[in-house]
């Protein structure tokens, strides 16, 4: 599990879907005092050494009210091999925009 933004954003263990897809579940909790939108930039690495594959993606939330939690996921395609125990999710950046930021 990866965590960012003081625990507001959590990434959980990815799981395999049919058709060479891999899904990364997330929870996003708005601990602020006003509604906000989130963009979470993350990297998924599979394998080690020369066989390592890296994927970069972003997951976004719509308006999330204060003190609420939502679940979402990112789906990554074209994942042909999935060695056991070699999946690593890193949250690179979280951009949180409150409603007051959006109106200015």
PDB file of N, CA and C in Angstrom:
ATOM      1  N   UNK A   1       0.851  -1.176   0.000  1.00  0.00           N
ATOM      2  CA  UNK A   1       0.000   0.000   0.000  1.00  0.00           C
ATOM      3  C   UNK A   1       0.895   1.237   0.000  1.00  0.00           C
ATOM      4  N   UNK A   2       0.475   2.242  -0.768  1.00  0.00           N
ATOM      5  CA  UNK A   2       1.184   3.524  -0.811  1.00  0.00           C
ATOM      6  C   UNK A   2       0.274   4.599  -0.241  1.00  0.00           C
ATOM      7  N   UNK A   3       0.865   5.582   0.417  1.00  0.00           N
ATOM      8  CA  UNK A   3       0.098   6.641   1.061  1.00  0.00           C
ATOM      9  C   UNK A   3       0.707   7.990   0.698  1.00  0.00           C
ATOM     10  N   UNK A   4      -0.158   9.013   0.594  1.00  0.00           N
ATOM     11  CA  UNK A   4       0.325  10.364   0.312  1.00  0.00           C
ATOM     12  C   UNK A   4      -0.638  11.377   0.905  1.00  0.00           C
ATOM     13  N   UNK A   5      -0.177  12.615   0.953  1.00  0.00           N
ATOM     14  CA  UNK A   5      -1.004  13.737   1.406  1.00  0.00           C
ATOM     15  C   UNK A   5      -1.538  13.482   2.817  1.00  0.00           C
ATOM     16  N   UNK A   6      -0.634  13.059   3.718  1.00  0.00           N
ATOM     17  CA  UNK A   6      -0.962  12.801   5.126  1.00  0.00           C
ATOM     18  C   UNK A   6      -2.085  11.777   5.271  1.00  0.00           C
ATOM     19  N   UNK A   7      -2.064  10.758   4.421  1.00  0.00           N
ATOM     20  CA  UNK A   7      -3.046   9.679   4.502  1.00  0.00           C
ATOM     21  C   UNK A   7      -4.351   9.957   3.781  1.00  0.00           C
ATOM     22  N   UNK A   8      -4.486  11.108   3.127  1.00  0.00           N
ATOM     23  CA  UNK A   8      -5.718  11.387   2.383  1.00  0.00           C
ATOM     24  C   UNK A   8      -5.851  10.492   1.157  1.00  0.00           C
ATOM     25  N   UNK A   9      -4.726  10.092   0.571  1.00  0.00           N
ATOM     26  CA  UNK A   9      -4.737   9.249  -0.622  1.00  0.00           C
ATOM     27  C   UNK A   9      -4.015   7.945  -0.312  1.00  0.00           C
ATOM     28  N   UNK A  10      -4.704   6.830  -0.533  1.00  0.00           N
ATOM     29  CA  UNK A  10      -4.123   5.504  -0.325  1.00  0.00           C
ATOM     30  C   UNK A  10      -4.276   4.691  -1.598  1.00  0.00           C
ATOM     31  N   UNK A  11      -3.198   4.030  -2.016  1.00  0.00           N
ATOM     32  CA  UNK A  11      -3.225   3.093  -3.137  1.00  0.00           C
ATOM     33  C   UNK A  11      -3.080   1.696  -2.559  1.00  0.00           C
ATOM     34  N   UNK A  12      -3.890   0.769  -3.022  1.00  0.00           N
ATOM     35  CA  UNK A  12      -3.883  -0.595  -2.498  1.00  0.00           C
ATOM     36  C   UNK A  12      -3.254  -1.556  -3.502  1.00  0.00           C
ATOM     37  N   UNK A  13      -3.122  -2.794  -3.104  1.00  0.00           N
ATOM     38  CA  UNK A  13      -2.497  -3.814  -3.940  1.00  0.00           C
ATOM     39  C   UNK A  13      -3.249  -3.963  -5.261  1.00  0.00           C
ATOM     40  N   UNK A  14      -2.542  -3.825  -6.373  1.00  0.00           N
ATOM     41  CA  UNK A  14      -3.177  -4.007  -7.680  1.00  0.00           C
ATOM     42  C   UNK A  14      -3.648  -5.447  -7.864  1.00  0.00           C
ATOM     43  N   UNK A  15      -4.671  -5.626  -8.679  1.00  0.00           N
ATOM     44  CA  UNK A  15      -5.117  -6.979  -8.995  1.00  0.00           C
ATOM     45  C   UNK A  15      -5.338  -7.120 -10.492  1.00  0.00           C
ATOM     46  N   UNK A  16      -5.158  -8.351 -10.929  1.00  0.00           N
ATOM     47  CA  UNK A  16      -5.224  -8.697 -12.345  1.00  0.00           C
ATOM     48  C   UNK A  16      -6.671  -8.815 -12.805  1.00  0.00           C
ATOM     49  N   UNK A  17      -6.953  -8.281 -13.977  1.00  0.00           N
ATOM     50  CA  UNK A  17      -8.234  -8.431 -14.640  1.00  0.00           C
ATOM     51  C   UNK A  17      -8.001  -9.181 -15.956  1.00  0.00           C
ATOM     52  N   UNK A  18      -9.047  -9.690 -16.581  1.00  0.00           N
ATOM     53  CA  UNK A  18      -8.858 -10.348 -17.884  1.00  0.00           C
ATOM     54  C   UNK A  18      -8.322  -9.377 -18.937  1.00  0.00           C
ATOM     55  N   UNK A  19      -7.822  -9.919 -20.022  1.00  0.00           N
ATOM     56  CA  UNK A  19      -7.379  -9.160 -21.197  1.00  0.00           C
ATOM     57  C   UNK A  19      -6.162  -8.271 -20.912  1.00  0.00           C
ATOM     58  N   UNK A  20      -5.217  -8.789 -20.134  1.00  0.00           N
ATOM     59  CA  UNK A  20      -3.960  -8.096 -19.844  1.00  0.00           C
ATOM     60  C   UNK A  20      -4.156  -6.750 -19.158  1.00  0.00           C
ATOM     61  N   UNK A  21      -5.159  -6.667 -18.294  1.00  0.00           N
ATOM     62  CA  UNK A  21      -5.430  -5.445 -17.541  1.00  0.00           C
ATOM     63  C   UNK A  21      -5.013  -5.619 -16.091  1.00  0.00           C
ATOM     64  N   UNK A  22      -4.577  -4.528 -15.498  1.00  0.00           N
ATOM     65  CA  UNK A  22      -4.230  -4.502 -14.083  1.00  0.00           C
ATOM     66  C   UNK A  22      -4.953  -3.311 -13.467  1.00  0.00           C
ATOM     67  N   UNK A  23      -5.621  -3.533 -12.341  1.00  0.00           N
ATOM     68  CA  UNK A  23      -6.393  -2.468 -11.705  1.00  0.00           C
ATOM     69  C   UNK A  23      -5.776  -2.111 -10.358  1.00  0.00           C
ATOM     70  N   UNK A  24      -5.594  -0.793 -10.148  1.00  0.00           N
ATOM     71  CA  UNK A  24      -5.033  -0.282  -8.897  1.00  0.00           C
ATOM     72  C   UNK A  24      -6.144   0.452  -8.146  1.00  0.00           C
ATOM     73  N   UNK A  25      -6.606  -0.088  -7.007  1.00  0.00           N
ATOM     74  CA  UNK A  25      -7.647   0.590  -6.226  1.00  0.00           C
ATOM     75  C   UNK A  25      -7.068   1.718  -5.362  1.00  0.00           C
ATOM     76  N   UNK A  26      -7.855   2.774  -5.191  1.00  0.00           N
ATOM     77  CA  UNK A  26      -7.483   3.931  -4.383  1.00  0.00           C
ATOM     78  C   UNK A  26      -8.642   4.325  -3.475  1.00  0.00           C
ATOM     79  N   UNK A  27      -8.315   4.922  -2.335  1.00  0.00           N
ATOM     80  CA  UNK A  27      -9.299   5.686  -1.573  1.00  0.00           C
ATOM     81  C   UNK A  27      -8.752   7.098  -1.434  1.00  0.00           C
ATOM     82  N   UNK A  28      -9.657   8.055  -1.532  1.00  0.00           N
ATOM     83  CA  UNK A  28      -9.309   9.459  -1.368  1.00  0.00           C
ATOM     84  C   UNK A  28     -10.222  10.020  -0.293  1.00  0.00           C
ATOM     85  N   UNK A  29      -9.644  10.608   0.746  1.00  0.00           N
ATOM     86  CA  UNK A  29     -10.397  11.188   1.851  1.00  0.00           C
ATOM     87  C   UNK A  29     -10.114  12.679   1.914  1.00  0.00           C
ATOM     88  N   UNK A  30     -11.156  13.466   1.906  1.00  0.00           N
ATOM     89  CA  UNK A  30     -11.002  14.917   2.015  1.00  0.00           C
ATOM     90  C   UNK A  30     -11.055  15.293   3.489  1.00  0.00           C
ATOM     91  N   UNK A  31      -9.902  15.563   4.076  1.00  0.00           N
ATOM     92  CA  UNK A  31      -9.832  15.978   5.479  1.00  0.00           C
ATOM     93  C   UNK A  31      -9.946  17.486   5.650  1.00  0.00           C
ATOM     94  N   UNK A  32     -10.175  18.202   4.556  1.00  0.00           N
ATOM     95  CA  UNK A  32     -10.269  19.658   4.601  1.00  0.00           C
ATOM     96  C   UNK A  32     -11.632  20.131   5.069  1.00  0.00           C
ATOM     97  N   UNK A  33     -11.798  21.440   5.049  1.00  0.00           N
ATOM     98  CA  UNK A  33     -13.041  22.053   5.520  1.00  0.00           C
ATOM     99  C   UNK A  33     -13.946  22.506   4.385  1.00  0.00           C
ATOM    100  N   UNK A  34     -13.529  22.252   3.132  1.00  0.00           N
ATOM    101  CA  UNK A  34     -14.378  22.576   1.997  1.00  0.00           C
ATOM    102  C   UNK A  34     -14.196  21.510   0.920  1.00  0.00           C
ATOM    103  N   UNK A  35     -15.146  21.458  -0.013  1.00  0.00           N
ATOM    104  CA  UNK A  35     -15.075  20.481  -1.089  1.00  0.00           C
ATOM    105  C   UNK A  35     -13.804  20.654  -1.905  1.00  0.00           C
ATOM    106  N   UNK A  36     -13.333  19.558  -2.502  1.00  0.00           N
ATOM    107  CA  UNK A  36     -12.092  19.611  -3.275  1.00  0.00           C
ATOM    108  C   UNK A  36     -12.108  18.564  -4.373  1.00  0.00           C
ATOM    109  N   UNK A  37     -11.276  18.807  -5.384  1.00  0.00           N
ATOM    110  CA  UNK A  37     -11.029  17.847  -6.449  1.00  0.00           C
ATOM    111  C   UNK A  37      -9.585  17.390  -6.333  1.00  0.00           C
ATOM    112  N   UNK A  38      -9.327  16.135  -6.641  1.00  0.00           N
ATOM    113  CA  UNK A  38      -7.996  15.553  -6.513  1.00  0.00           C
ATOM    114  C   UNK A  38      -7.520  14.997  -7.855  1.00  0.00           C
ATOM    115  N   UNK A  39      -6.231  15.173  -8.124  1.00  0.00           N
ATOM    116  CA  UNK A  39      -5.544  14.481  -9.208  1.00  0.00           C
ATOM    117  C   UNK A  39      -4.359  13.763  -8.573  1.00  0.00           C
ATOM    118  N   UNK A  40      -4.305  12.451  -8.741  1.00  0.00           N
ATOM    119  CA  UNK A  40      -3.263  11.640  -8.116  1.00  0.00           C
ATOM    120  C   UNK A  40      -2.399  11.041  -9.230  1.00  0.00           C
ATOM    121  N   UNK A  41      -1.124  11.431  -9.256  1.00  0.00           N
ATOM    122  CA  UNK A  41      -0.185  10.933 -10.244  1.00  0.00           C
ATOM    123  C   UNK A  41       0.625   9.819  -9.600  1.00  0.00           C
ATOM    124  N   UNK A  42       0.671   8.668 -10.262  1.00  0.00           N
ATOM    125  CA  UNK A  42       1.378   7.539  -9.663  1.00  0.00           C
ATOM    126  C   UNK A  42       2.121   6.743 -10.725  1.00  0.00           C
ATOM    127  N   UNK A  43       3.063   5.943 -10.244  1.00  0.00           N
ATOM    128  CA  UNK A  43       3.833   5.040 -11.093  1.00  0.00           C
ATOM    129  C   UNK A  43       3.626   3.623 -10.587  1.00  0.00           C
ATOM    130  N   UNK A  44       3.466   2.698 -11.518  1.00  0.00           N
ATOM    131  CA  UNK A  44       3.345   1.275 -11.211  1.00  0.00           C
ATOM    132  C   UNK A  44       4.530   0.578 -11.860  1.00  0.00           C
ATOM    133  N   UNK A  45       5.304  -0.146 -11.072  1.00  0.00           N
ATOM    134  CA  UNK A  45       6.449  -0.881 -11.601  1.00  0.00           C
ATOM    135  C   UNK A  45       6.230  -2.370 -11.374  1.00  0.00           C
ATOM    136  N   UNK A  46       6.492  -3.146 -12.425  1.00  0.00           N
ATOM    137  CA  UNK A  46       6.317  -4.598 -12.380  1.00  0.00           C
ATOM    138  C   UNK A  46       7.634  -5.243 -12.772  1.00  0.00           C
ATOM    139  N   UNK A  47       8.089  -6.196 -11.983  1.00  0.00           N
ATOM    140  CA  UNK A  47       9.313  -6.923 -12.297  1.00  0.00           C
ATOM    141  C   UNK A  47      10.546  -6.214 -11.780  1.00  0.00           C
ATOM    142  N   UNK A  48      11.691  -6.794 -12.100  1.00  0.00           N
ATOM    143  CA  UNK A  48      12.964  -6.260 -11.641  1.00  0.00           C
ATOM    144  C   UNK A  48      13.989  -6.318 -12.768  1.00  0.00           C
ATOM    145  N   UNK A  49      15.025  -5.504 -12.638  1.00  0.00           N
ATOM    146  CA  UNK A  49      16.130  -5.534 -13.595  1.00  0.00           C
ATOM    147  C   UNK A  49      15.690  -5.221 -15.015  1.00  0.00           C
ATOM    148  N   UNK A  50      16.240  -5.972 -15.974  1.00  0.00           N
ATOM    149  CA  UNK A  50      15.953  -5.731 -17.393  1.00  0.00           C
ATOM    150  C   UNK A  50      14.508  -6.051 -17.744  1.00  0.00           C
ATOM    151  N   UNK A  51      13.858  -6.886 -16.948  1.00  0.00           N
ATOM    152  CA  UNK A  51      12.464  -7.275 -17.227  1.00  0.00           C
ATOM    153  C   UNK A  51      11.457  -6.297 -16.618  1.00  0.00           C
ATOM    154  N   UNK A  52      11.932  -5.215 -16.026  1.00  0.00           N
ATOM    155  CA  UNK A  52      11.041  -4.283 -15.336  1.00  0.00           C
ATOM    156  C   UNK A  52      10.236  -3.447 -16.331  1.00  0.00           C
ATOM    157  N   UNK A  53       8.929  -3.335 -16.064  1.00  0.00           N
ATOM    158  CA  UNK A  53       8.041  -2.477 -16.848  1.00  0.00           C
ATOM    159  C   UNK A  53       7.514  -1.386 -15.930  1.00  0.00           C
ATOM    160  N   UNK A  54       7.394  -0.183 -16.460  1.00  0.00           N
ATOM    161  CA  UNK A  54       6.925   0.942 -15.661  1.00  0.00           C
ATOM    162  C   UNK A  54       5.773   1.618 -16.376  1.00  0.00           C
ATOM    163  N   UNK A  55       4.741   1.967 -15.627  1.00  0.00           N
ATOM    164  CA  UNK A  55       3.557   2.619 -16.163  1.00  0.00           C
ATOM    165  C   UNK A  55       3.279   3.858 -15.321  1.00  0.00           C
ATOM    166  N   UNK A  56       2.970   4.971 -15.973  1.00  0.00           N
ATOM    167  CA  UNK A  56       2.611   6.187 -15.258  1.00  0.00           C
ATOM    168  C   UNK A  56       1.179   6.543 -15.627  1.00  0.00           C
ATOM    169  N   UNK A  57       0.421   6.943 -14.637  1.00  0.00           N
ATOM    170  CA  UNK A  57      -0.975   7.246 -14.882  1.00  0.00           C
ATOM    171  C   UNK A  57      -1.475   8.239 -13.841  1.00  0.00           C
ATOM    172  N   UNK A  58      -2.654   8.790 -14.077  1.00  0.00           N
ATOM    173  CA  UNK A  58      -3.287   9.711 -13.141  1.00  0.00           C
ATOM    174  C   UNK A  58      -4.704   9.215 -12.886  1.00  0.00           C
ATOM    175  N   UNK A  59      -5.145   9.355 -11.643  1.00  0.00           N
ATOM    176  CA  UNK A  59      -6.526   9.065 -11.283  1.00  0.00           C
ATOM    177  C   UNK A  59      -7.095  10.351 -10.692  1.00  0.00           C
ATOM    178  N   UNK A  60      -8.319  10.695 -11.043  1.00  0.00           N
ATOM    179  CA  UNK A  60      -8.905  11.950 -10.577  1.00  0.00           C
ATOM    180  C   UNK A  60     -10.207  11.686  -9.839  1.00  0.00           C
ATOM    181  N   UNK A  61     -10.593  12.652  -9.022  1.00  0.00           N
ATOM    182  CA  UNK A  61     -11.884  12.594  -8.343  1.00  0.00           C
ATOM    183  C   UNK A  61     -12.704  13.778  -8.806  1.00  0.00           C
ATOM    184  N   UNK A  62     -13.997  13.633  -8.751  1.00  0.00           N
ATOM    185  CA  UNK A  62     -14.867  14.781  -8.937  1.00  0.00           C
ATOM    186  C   UNK A  62     -14.850  15.569  -7.638  1.00  0.00           C
ATOM    187  N   UNK A  63     -15.805  16.450  -7.444  1.00  0.00           N
ATOM    188  CA  UNK A  63     -15.860  17.201  -6.192  1.00  0.00           C
ATOM    189  C   UNK A  63     -16.120  16.274  -5.017  1.00  0.00           C
ATOM    190  N   UNK A  64     -15.250  16.308  -4.049  1.00  0.00           N
ATOM    191  CA  UNK A  64     -15.371  15.473  -2.857  1.00  0.00           C
ATOM    192  C   UNK A  64     -15.626  16.384  -1.666  1.00  0.00           C
ATOM    193  N   UNK A  65     -16.753  16.205  -1.019  1.00  0.00           N
ATOM    194  CA  UNK A  65     -17.155  17.052   0.101  1.00  0.00           C
ATOM    195  C   UNK A  65     -16.236  16.819   1.306  1.00  0.00           C
ATOM    196  N   UNK A  66     -16.168  17.787   2.230  1.00  0.00           N
ATOM    197  CA  UNK A  66     -15.295  17.646   3.401  1.00  0.00           C
ATOM    198  C   UNK A  66     -15.646  16.416   4.241  1.00  0.00           C
ATOM    199  N   UNK A  67     -14.634  15.784   4.763  1.00  0.00           N
ATOM    200  CA  UNK A  67     -14.758  14.649   5.673  1.00  0.00           C
ATOM    201  C   UNK A  67     -15.485  13.465   5.029  1.00  0.00           C
ATOM    202  N   UNK A  68     -15.322  13.319   3.733  1.00  0.00           N
ATOM    203  CA  UNK A  68     -15.893  12.186   2.993  1.00  0.00           C
ATOM    204  C   UNK A  68     -14.762  11.397   2.341  1.00  0.00           C
ATOM    205  N   UNK A  69     -15.036  10.128   2.083  1.00  0.00           N
ATOM    206  CA  UNK A  69     -14.077   9.243   1.427  1.00  0.00           C
ATOM    207  C   UNK A  69     -14.730   8.637   0.196  1.00  0.00           C
ATOM    208  N   UNK A  70     -13.966   8.555  -0.867  1.00  0.00           N
ATOM    209  CA  UNK A  70     -14.454   7.883  -2.073  1.00  0.00           C
ATOM    210  C   UNK A  70     -13.457   6.807  -2.480  1.00  0.00           C
ATOM    211  N   UNK A  71     -13.955   5.807  -3.165  1.00  0.00           N
ATOM    212  CA  UNK A  71     -13.086   4.786  -3.735  1.00  0.00           C
ATOM    213  C   UNK A  71     -13.073   4.979  -5.243  1.00  0.00           C
ATOM    214  N   UNK A  72     -11.945   4.706  -5.838  1.00  0.00           N
ATOM    215  CA  UNK A  72     -11.793   4.785  -7.283  1.00  0.00           C
ATOM    216  C   UNK A  72     -10.695   3.812  -7.675  1.00  0.00           C
ATOM    217  N   UNK A  73     -10.460   3.666  -8.960  1.00  0.00           N
ATOM    218  CA  UNK A  73      -9.391   2.792  -9.411  1.00  0.00           C
ATOM    219  C   UNK A  73      -8.854   3.273 -10.743  1.00  0.00           C
ATOM    220  N   UNK A  74      -7.637   2.873 -11.017  1.00  0.00           N
ATOM    221  CA  UNK A  74      -7.001   3.124 -12.303  1.00  0.00           C
ATOM    222  C   UNK A  74      -6.789   1.774 -12.956  1.00  0.00           C
ATOM    223  N   UNK A  75      -7.120   1.675 -14.232  1.00  0.00           N
ATOM    224  CA  UNK A  75      -6.928   0.436 -14.980  1.00  0.00           C
ATOM    225  C   UNK A  75      -5.823   0.643 -16.002  1.00  0.00           C
ATOM    226  N   UNK A  76      -4.854  -0.249 -15.984  1.00  0.00           N
ATOM    227  CA  UNK A  76      -3.696  -0.171 -16.858  1.00  0.00           C
ATOM    228  C   UNK A  76      -3.759  -1.345 -17.821  1.00  0.00           C
ATOM    229  N   UNK A  77      -3.652  -1.057 -19.104  1.00  0.00           N
ATOM    230  CA  UNK A  77      -3.745  -2.093 -20.134  1.00  0.00           C
ATOM    231  C   UNK A  77      -2.395  -2.538 -20.644  1.00  0.00           C
ATOM    232  N   UNK A  78      -2.381  -3.678 -21.328  1.00  0.00           N
ATOM    233  CA  UNK A  78      -1.171  -4.182 -21.967  1.00  0.00           C
ATOM    234  C   UNK A  78      -0.174  -4.802 -21.024  1.00  0.00           C
ATOM    235  N   UNK A  79      -0.617  -5.243 -19.871  1.00  0.00           N
ATOM    236  CA  UNK A  79       0.283  -5.879 -18.903  1.00  0.00           C
ATOM    237  C   UNK A  79       0.325  -7.368 -19.225  1.00  0.00           C
ATOM    238  N   UNK A  80       1.355  -7.778 -19.968  1.00  0.00           N
ATOM    239  CA  UNK A  80       1.385  -9.152 -20.471  1.00  0.00           C
ATOM    240  C   UNK A  80       1.853 -10.170 -19.432  1.00  0.00           C
ATOM    241  N   UNK A  81       2.806  -9.805 -18.583  1.00  0.00           N
ATOM    242  CA  UNK A  81       3.268 -10.755 -17.568  1.00  0.00           C
ATOM    243  C   UNK A  81       3.206 -10.093 -16.201  1.00  0.00           C
ATOM    244  N   UNK A  82       2.948 -10.888 -15.207  1.00  0.00           N
ATOM    245  CA  UNK A  82       2.794 -10.363 -13.855  1.00  0.00           C
ATOM    246  C   UNK A  82       3.516 -11.283 -12.880  1.00  0.00           C
ATOM    247  N   UNK A  83       4.835 -11.077 -12.704  1.00  0.00           N
ATOM    248  CA  UNK A  83       5.568 -11.912 -11.761  1.00  0.00           C
ATOM    249  C   UNK A  83       5.053 -11.694 -10.340  1.00  0.00           C
ATOM    250  N   UNK A  84       4.940 -12.737  -9.544  1.00  0.00           N
ATOM    251  CA  UNK A  84       4.423 -12.581  -8.186  1.00  0.00           C
ATOM    252  C   UNK A  84       5.381 -11.781  -7.304  1.00  0.00           C
ATOM    253  N   UNK A  85       4.813 -10.923  -6.475  1.00  0.00           N
ATOM    254  CA  UNK A  85       5.579 -10.207  -5.471  1.00  0.00           C
ATOM    255  C   UNK A  85       6.465  -9.098  -5.992  1.00  0.00           C
ATOM    256  N   UNK A  86       6.307  -8.690  -7.235  1.00  0.00           N
ATOM    257  CA  UNK A  86       7.200  -7.669  -7.775  1.00  0.00           C
ATOM    258  C   UNK A  86       6.419  -6.478  -8.329  1.00  0.00           C
ATOM    259  N   UNK A  87       5.322  -6.117  -7.687  1.00  0.00           N
ATOM    260  CA  UNK A  87       4.531  -4.965  -8.103  1.00  0.00           C
ATOM    261  C   UNK A  87       4.725  -3.864  -7.069  1.00  0.00           C
ATOM    262  N   UNK A  88       5.057  -2.662  -7.548  1.00  0.00           N
ATOM    263  CA  UNK A  88       5.296  -1.561  -6.633  1.00  0.00           C
ATOM    264  C   UNK A  88       4.562  -0.321  -7.134  1.00  0.00           C
ATOM    265  N   UNK A  89       3.692   0.236  -6.295  1.00  0.00           N
ATOM    266  CA  UNK A  89       2.966   1.459  -6.626  1.00  0.00           C
ATOM    267  C   UNK A  89       3.586   2.606  -5.839  1.00  0.00           C
ATOM    268  N   UNK A  90       3.916   3.694  -6.542  1.00  0.00           N
ATOM    269  CA  UNK A  90       4.468   4.887  -5.912  1.00  0.00           C
ATOM    270  C   UNK A  90       3.597   6.076  -6.286  1.00  0.00           C
ATOM    271  N   UNK A  91       3.075   6.771  -5.289  1.00  0.00           N
ATOM    272  CA  UNK A  91       2.313   7.985  -5.546  1.00  0.00           C
ATOM    273  C   UNK A  91       3.328   9.110  -5.704  1.00  0.00           C
ATOM    274  N   UNK A  92       3.391   9.701  -6.892  1.00  0.00           N
ATOM    275  CA  UNK A  92       4.386  10.725  -7.216  1.00  0.00           C
ATOM    276  C   UNK A  92       3.938  12.119  -6.790  1.00  0.00           C
ATOM    277  N   UNK A  93       2.650  12.428  -6.990  1.00  0.00           N
ATOM    278  CA  UNK A  93       2.170  13.776  -6.708  1.00  0.00           C
ATOM    279  C   UNK A  93       0.662  13.728  -6.492  1.00  0.00           C
ATOM    280  N   UNK A  94       0.186  14.567  -5.583  1.00  0.00           N
ATOM    281  CA  UNK A  94      -1.253  14.737  -5.362  1.00  0.00           C
ATOM    282  C   UNK A  94      -1.544  16.223  -5.503  1.00  0.00           C
ATOM    283  N   UNK A  95      -2.449  16.541  -6.390  1.00  0.00           N
ATOM    284  CA  UNK A  95      -2.892  17.921  -6.536  1.00  0.00           C
ATOM    285  C   UNK A  95      -4.318  18.010  -6.023  1.00  0.00           C
ATOM    286  N   UNK A  96      -4.496  18.833  -5.011  1.00  0.00           N
ATOM    287  CA  UNK A  96      -5.805  19.021  -4.376  1.00  0.00           C
ATOM    288  C   UNK A  96      -6.242  20.452  -4.631  1.00  0.00           C
ATOM    289  N   UNK A  97      -7.385  20.608  -5.271  1.00  0.00           N
ATOM    290  CA  UNK A  97      -7.903  21.946  -5.552  1.00  0.00           C
ATOM    291  C   UNK A  97      -9.230  22.111  -4.839  1.00  0.00           C
ATOM    292  N   UNK A  98      -9.274  23.052  -3.898  1.00  0.00           N
ATOM    293  CA  UNK A  98     -10.534  23.315  -3.197  1.00  0.00           C
ATOM    294  C   UNK A  98     -11.436  24.136  -4.103  1.00  0.00           C
ATOM    295  N   UNK A  99     -12.713  24.166  -3.771  1.00  0.00           N
ATOM    296  CA  UNK A  99     -13.683  24.915  -4.582  1.00  0.00           C
ATOM    297  C   UNK A  99     -13.316  26.394  -4.648  1.00  0.00           C
ATOM    298  N   UNK A 100     -12.758  26.968  -3.571  1.00  0.00           N
ATOM    299  CA  UNK A 100     -12.369  28.372  -3.604  1.00  0.00           C
ATOM    300  C   UNK A 100     -11.191  28.587  -4.551  1.00  0.00           C
ATOM    301  N   UNK A 101     -10.305  27.585  -4.700  1.00  0.00           N
ATOM    302  CA  UNK A 101      -9.202  27.673  -5.655  1.00  0.00           C
ATOM    303  C   UNK A 101      -9.717  27.675  -7.086  1.00  0.00           C
ATOM    304  N   UNK A 102     -10.808  26.944  -7.339  1.00  0.00           N
ATOM    305  CA  UNK A 102     -11.340  26.811  -8.680  1.00  0.00           C
ATOM    306  C   UNK A 102     -12.073  28.065  -9.145  1.00  0.00           C
ATOM    307  N   UNK A 103     -12.606  28.844  -8.219  1.00  0.00           N
ATOM    308  CA  UNK A 103     -13.375  30.040  -8.595  1.00  0.00           C
ATOM    309  C   UNK A 103     -12.503  31.264  -8.746  1.00  0.00           C
ATOM    310  N   UNK A 104     -11.245  31.214  -8.345  1.00  0.00           N
ATOM    311  CA  UNK A 104     -10.383  32.399  -8.454  1.00  0.00           C
ATOM    312  C   UNK A 104      -9.592  32.403  -9.734  1.00  0.00           C
TER     313      UNK A 104
END
